Every structure is written in structure tokens, then in C-alpha cells.
Amino acid sequence: MVSPKLRSRSWRRVQKRTPGGRNVTHYEREKPSKAQCGNCGAALSGVPRELPYKMKAMPKTKKRPERPYGGVLCSPCMREKIVERARQQ
């Protein structure tokens, strides 16, 4: 019987084949949902879907795109925002 904490559905079940030829079940945490644009709610590209402890170990440049509003707005919304700001000046 598997340990009680692993019976919860917050753990994803993954079938793995061992070098000895047995099929075993490994339990992994489910990945978080994709990061969303703050303006339109679209999924952000360039932002990894990782668990907090893996994100913490990742370098800052791998966590979000290197552009204005990177990791906050999607590229179409970012373009709109920049054009809007240029027109205000």
C-alpha cells in the first residue's frame, strides 16, 4: 500500500520502467498552470511552468523574457502599451 500522503490527487502518477524491467509508479507534484497576461489573460510564452522550488533555483533570465513588461504582459499587449505611452508624450 502506498503511503497516505501519496493517495491525494495533488500527486501525479507516472508509470516508469526500471532497468530491471519492472513497471513502477512514481509520484510527482502536478505542474502549476501557465502564467497569464495581466491585461488580456492569454498564456505567456517564455515563462516556464515549474514548481516554486525549481523556479527559485533557476536564474532570473530563464524565468521571464528579456523585454519590457516581460513575464507580465503578452507581446501584443506589450506593443499596445508601448505605442500608447509614446502617443501620450
Protein backbone atom coordinates (compact mmCIF):
# COMPACT_ATOMS: atom_id res chain seq x y z
CA MET A 1 0.00 0.00 0.00
CA VAL A 2 1.25 3.45 -0.91
CA SER A 3 1.83 5.97 1.89
CA PRO A 4 -1.24 8.08 2.78
CA LYS A 5 0.23 11.37 1.55
CA LEU A 6 0.60 9.93 -1.97
CA ARG A 7 -3.07 8.89 -2.19
CA SER A 8 -4.04 12.52 -2.67
CA ARG A 9 -4.70 13.64 -6.24
CA SER A 10 -2.30 16.57 -5.87
CA TRP A 11 0.37 13.98 -6.77
CA ARG A 12 0.57 12.97 -10.42
CA ARG A 13 1.05 9.27 -11.14
CA VAL A 14 3.75 8.46 -13.68
CA GLN A 15 4.49 4.95 -14.91
CA LYS A 16 8.25 4.28 -15.20
CA ARG A 17 10.08 1.22 -16.41
CA THR A 18 13.08 0.37 -14.23
CA PRO A 19 16.37 -1.03 -15.57
CA GLY A 20 15.35 -4.36 -14.03
CA GLY A 21 12.32 -4.49 -16.33
CA ARG A 22 9.61 -3.78 -13.74
CA ASN A 23 6.93 -1.16 -14.26
CA VAL A 24 6.60 1.03 -11.18
CA THR A 25 4.52 4.06 -10.29
CA HIS A 26 6.36 7.25 -9.42
CA TYR A 27 4.55 10.15 -7.79
CA GLU A 28 5.29 13.72 -8.85
CA ARG A 29 3.73 17.04 -7.94
CA GLU A 30 1.40 18.44 -10.59
CA LYS A 31 2.80 21.39 -12.51
CA PRO A 32 1.24 24.78 -11.87
CA SER A 33 -0.92 26.43 -14.53
CA LYS A 34 0.65 28.64 -17.19
CA ALA A 35 1.43 32.26 -16.35
CA GLN A 36 -1.20 34.64 -17.72
CA CYS A 37 -1.05 38.11 -19.26
CA GLY A 38 -2.11 40.80 -16.80
CA ASN A 39 -4.11 42.59 -19.47
CA CYS A 40 -5.89 40.02 -21.66
CA GLY A 41 -5.40 36.77 -19.71
CA ALA A 42 -3.60 34.91 -22.53
CA ALA A 43 -0.94 32.32 -21.63
CA LEU A 44 2.53 33.87 -21.55
CA SER A 45 5.20 32.35 -23.75
CA GLY A 46 8.75 32.28 -22.43
CA VAL A 47 7.69 31.75 -18.80
CA PRO A 48 8.33 28.19 -17.56
CA ARG A 49 5.71 26.10 -15.78
CA GLU A 50 7.70 24.87 -12.83
CA LEU A 51 7.24 24.22 -9.14
CA PRO A 52 8.29 27.06 -6.81
CA TYR A 53 11.40 25.26 -5.56
CA LYS A 54 12.59 24.72 -9.14
CA MET A 55 11.81 28.32 -10.11
CA LYS A 56 13.83 29.52 -7.12
CA ALA A 57 16.90 27.61 -8.32
CA MET A 58 16.53 28.92 -11.89
CA PRO A 59 18.47 32.00 -12.99
CA LYS A 60 16.44 35.19 -13.38
CA THR A 61 16.95 35.32 -17.15
CA LYS A 62 15.28 31.91 -17.56
CA LYS A 63 12.17 32.93 -15.59
CA ARG A 64 10.82 35.55 -17.99
CA PRO A 65 11.53 37.08 -21.41
CA GLU A 66 14.11 39.88 -21.69
CA ARG A 67 11.84 42.69 -22.89
CA PRO A 68 9.77 45.48 -21.33
CA TYR A 69 6.90 44.00 -19.28
CA GLY A 70 8.46 40.54 -19.74
CA GLY A 71 6.63 37.93 -17.66
CA VAL A 72 3.71 40.33 -17.04
CA LEU A 73 2.19 41.13 -20.45
CA CYS A 74 1.98 39.08 -23.64
CA SER A 75 3.80 40.54 -26.65
CA PRO A 76 0.70 42.03 -28.41
CA CYS A 77 -0.40 43.78 -25.17
CA MET A 78 3.18 44.96 -24.58
CA ARG A 79 3.28 46.51 -28.06
CA GLU A 80 -0.06 48.25 -27.44
CA LYS A 81 1.20 49.63 -24.14
CA ILE A 82 4.42 50.98 -25.65
CA VAL A 83 2.57 52.65 -28.55
CA GLU A 84 0.04 54.12 -26.11
CA ARG A 85 2.82 55.58 -23.95
CA ALA A 86 4.61 57.04 -26.98
CA ARG A 87 1.40 58.74 -28.11
CA GLN A 88 0.85 60.32 -24.69
CA GLN A 89 4.19 62.12 -24.76
